Amino acid sequence: NIEHVEAIDISKNNIEQSQKINIFENINFKVGNLTLLNYQTNSFNLIICSDVLEHIKNDKKAFSELSRVLKKGGILLLTIPSNSEKNKQTYKQYEHELAGYNFKDIKALCDKNNLKILKYSGYSSIPAEFFSDISYKLINNKILLGAFFYPLYFASVISDFLFRKNYSGY
């Protein structure tokens, strides 16, 4: 049972759209920047940062801020793209600052911010890459992307679970 959720995005438009479709009373939406979080130190038991870090120029500062607001013993669930050959070729068209991360990158960020990695896994599957490719092809059509992004994202996650090919574990 989650009592309260803070949801932030740098885009005022994204926040406004999220507020319009929100059906939960315990979510507070606000415009915010991960490099300067407007929360007290040790504020959160759980932080979910999904496919965001790669969009931020000063990703080290953003990671430091996430660590700062995380309570001791709290969990940071982070999803990021891998530093794959495919991502190296396409990352700029998706407004990413980096092609992705590898285990060494994340380990260094965690060590610097006194975080312990409980689990690290990377995976890929042919169906997930197919769904991801469709989503990325819609990047310039905001209406279609809005309508299909989450269904395609969900299909990618499910297919990764079913057809997973791990490349690393911890």
Protein backbone atom coordinates (compact mmCIF):
# COMPACT_ATOMS: atom_id res chain seq x y z
CA ASN A 1 0.00 0.00 0.00
CA ILE A 2 1.58 3.26 -1.14
CA GLU A 3 0.42 6.28 0.81
CA HIS A 4 1.91 9.05 -1.29
CA VAL A 5 3.66 9.39 -4.67
CA GLU A 6 5.63 12.36 -5.96
CA ALA A 7 5.84 12.44 -9.76
CA ILE A 8 8.15 14.94 -11.41
CA ASP A 9 8.97 15.83 -14.99
CA ILE A 10 10.93 18.71 -16.45
CA SER A 11 8.11 19.39 -18.92
CA LYS A 12 5.19 21.48 -17.68
CA ASN A 13 3.10 20.08 -20.53
CA ASN A 14 3.82 16.48 -19.48
CA ILE A 15 2.81 17.30 -15.91
CA GLU A 16 -0.42 18.96 -17.04
CA GLN A 17 -1.31 16.01 -19.28
CA SER A 18 -0.55 13.54 -16.48
CA GLN A 19 -2.75 15.47 -14.07
CA LYS A 20 -5.64 15.37 -16.56
CA ILE A 21 -5.60 11.59 -16.89
CA ASN A 22 -4.64 10.74 -13.31
CA ILE A 23 -7.21 8.64 -11.44
CA PHE A 24 -5.31 8.35 -8.15
CA GLU A 25 -5.64 10.79 -5.27
CA ASN A 26 -2.26 10.04 -3.71
CA ILE A 27 -0.10 11.35 -6.57
CA ASN A 28 1.37 14.84 -6.48
CA PHE A 29 2.58 15.96 -9.92
CA LYS A 30 5.09 18.76 -10.22
CA VAL A 31 7.58 20.25 -12.62
CA GLY A 32 11.09 19.43 -11.48
CA ASN A 33 14.66 18.93 -12.55
CA LEU A 34 16.62 15.83 -11.49
CA THR A 35 19.82 17.84 -11.18
CA LEU A 36 18.25 20.02 -8.47
CA LEU A 37 15.49 18.17 -6.65
CA ASN A 38 13.33 20.32 -4.40
CA TYR A 39 13.08 17.69 -1.66
CA GLN A 40 14.78 17.30 1.68
CA THR A 41 17.62 14.82 2.07
CA ASN A 42 16.42 11.29 2.95
CA SER A 43 12.85 11.89 1.77
CA PHE A 44 11.95 8.70 -0.10
CA ASN A 45 11.88 4.96 0.60
CA LEU A 46 11.57 4.14 -3.09
CA ILE A 47 12.55 6.08 -6.19
CA ILE A 48 11.72 4.87 -9.68
CA CYS A 49 13.69 6.57 -12.43
CA SER A 50 12.81 4.90 -15.70
CA ASP A 51 14.48 5.86 -18.97
CA VAL A 52 15.33 9.37 -17.81
CA LEU A 53 19.02 9.55 -16.88
CA GLU A 54 20.21 9.21 -20.48
CA HIS A 55 18.35 12.44 -21.39
CA ILE A 56 20.25 14.59 -18.87
CA LYS A 57 23.51 16.36 -19.73
CA ASN A 58 24.74 16.29 -16.15
CA ASP A 59 23.66 12.73 -15.40
CA LYS A 60 26.21 12.43 -12.58
CA LYS A 61 24.58 15.35 -10.75
CA ALA A 62 21.11 13.87 -11.35
CA PHE A 63 22.25 10.52 -9.95
CA SER A 64 23.75 12.31 -6.95
CA GLU A 65 20.44 14.10 -6.32
CA LEU A 66 18.51 10.83 -6.53
CA SER A 67 20.92 9.36 -3.99
CA ARG A 68 20.59 12.41 -1.73
CA VAL A 69 16.80 12.23 -1.47
CA LEU A 70 16.76 8.44 -1.03
CA LYS A 71 16.45 7.29 2.58
CA LYS A 72 19.16 5.07 4.00
CA GLY A 73 18.08 1.52 3.18
CA GLY A 74 15.77 2.82 0.45
CA ILE A 75 15.60 1.44 -3.06
CA LEU A 76 16.44 3.22 -6.31
CA LEU A 77 14.95 1.34 -9.25
CA LEU A 78 16.74 2.61 -12.32
CA THR A 79 16.14 1.63 -15.93
CA ILE A 80 18.56 2.88 -18.55
CA PRO A 81 19.54 1.91 -22.08
CA SER A 82 22.62 -0.22 -22.53
CA ASN A 83 25.65 1.15 -24.30
CA SER A 84 25.01 -1.08 -27.31
CA GLU A 85 26.19 -0.68 -30.88
CA LYS A 86 22.61 0.02 -31.98
CA ASN A 87 22.19 2.74 -29.34
CA LYS A 88 25.50 4.32 -30.35
CA GLN A 89 24.08 4.78 -33.85
CA THR A 90 20.64 6.10 -32.89
CA TYR A 91 20.79 7.78 -29.48
CA LYS A 92 20.86 11.40 -30.69
CA GLN A 93 17.61 11.06 -32.65
CA TYR A 94 15.86 10.18 -29.37
CA GLU A 95 17.25 13.26 -27.63
CA HIS A 96 19.58 11.18 -25.47
CA GLU A 97 22.78 12.74 -24.18
CA LEU A 98 24.44 9.32 -24.01
CA ALA A 99 24.08 6.14 -26.04
CA GLY A 100 23.67 4.22 -22.82
CA TYR A 101 25.42 2.80 -19.80
CA ASN A 102 27.30 -0.35 -18.91
CA PHE A 103 27.79 -2.04 -15.56
CA LYS A 104 31.08 -0.23 -14.93
CA ASP A 105 29.35 3.18 -15.40
CA ILE A 106 26.57 2.34 -12.95
CA LYS A 107 28.93 0.77 -10.43
CA ALA A 108 31.05 3.95 -10.44
CA LEU A 109 27.96 6.15 -9.91
CA CYS A 110 26.77 3.92 -7.07
CA ASP A 111 30.18 3.79 -5.38
CA LYS A 112 30.55 7.58 -5.56
CA ASN A 113 27.10 8.04 -3.99
CA ASN A 114 27.34 5.30 -1.34
CA LEU A 115 24.71 3.11 -2.96
CA LYS A 116 24.87 -0.65 -3.06
CA ILE A 117 23.75 -2.56 -6.14
CA LEU A 118 21.27 -5.23 -5.09
CA LYS A 119 20.63 -6.46 -8.60
CA TYR A 120 21.82 -5.50 -12.03
CA SER A 121 20.45 -7.12 -15.12
CA GLY A 122 20.54 -6.34 -18.74
CA TYR A 123 18.55 -8.12 -21.32
CA SER A 124 17.32 -8.01 -24.81
CA SER A 125 15.06 -10.03 -26.99
CA ILE A 126 14.10 -9.94 -30.64
CA PRO A 127 10.42 -9.14 -29.89
CA ALA A 128 11.41 -6.35 -27.48
CA GLU A 129 13.70 -4.79 -30.05
CA PHE A 130 10.93 -5.04 -32.65
CA PHE A 131 8.42 -3.24 -30.38
CA SER A 132 11.04 -0.68 -29.44
CA ASP A 133 11.84 -0.01 -33.11
CA ILE A 134 8.15 0.60 -33.87
CA SER A 135 7.89 3.04 -30.98
CA TYR A 136 11.00 4.93 -32.09
CA LYS A 137 9.69 5.18 -35.65
CA LEU A 138 6.70 7.06 -34.24
CA ILE A 139 8.91 9.62 -32.45
CA ASN A 140 7.94 12.46 -34.81
CA ASN A 141 4.22 11.73 -34.72
CA LYS A 142 3.23 12.77 -31.20
CA ILE A 143 -0.39 11.58 -31.49
CA LEU A 144 0.53 8.07 -32.62
CA LEU A 145 3.45 7.93 -30.20
CA GLY A 146 1.15 8.96 -27.35
CA ALA A 147 -1.40 6.32 -28.31
CA PHE A 148 1.05 3.47 -28.83
CA PHE A 149 4.12 4.16 -26.66
CA TYR A 150 2.92 2.51 -23.45
CA PRO A 151 1.28 -0.49 -25.11
CA LEU A 152 4.48 -1.05 -27.09
CA TYR A 153 6.61 -0.46 -23.99
CA PHE A 154 4.50 -2.97 -22.05
CA ALA A 155 4.81 -5.48 -24.91
CA SER A 156 8.59 -4.97 -24.85
CA VAL A 157 8.78 -5.61 -21.12
CA ILE A 158 6.60 -8.72 -21.35
CA SER A 159 8.56 -10.10 -24.31
CA ASP A 160 11.84 -9.44 -22.50
CA PHE A 161 10.50 -11.38 -19.55
CA LEU A 162 9.40 -14.28 -21.74
CA PHE A 163 12.33 -14.32 -24.19
CA ARG A 164 15.06 -12.77 -22.06
CA LYS A 165 18.69 -13.18 -22.98
CA ASN A 166 20.72 -11.92 -20.01
CA TYR A 167 24.06 -10.33 -20.73
CA SER A 168 25.07 -9.64 -17.16
CA GLY A 169 23.91 -10.22 -13.65
CA TYR A 170 24.83 -9.19 -10.16
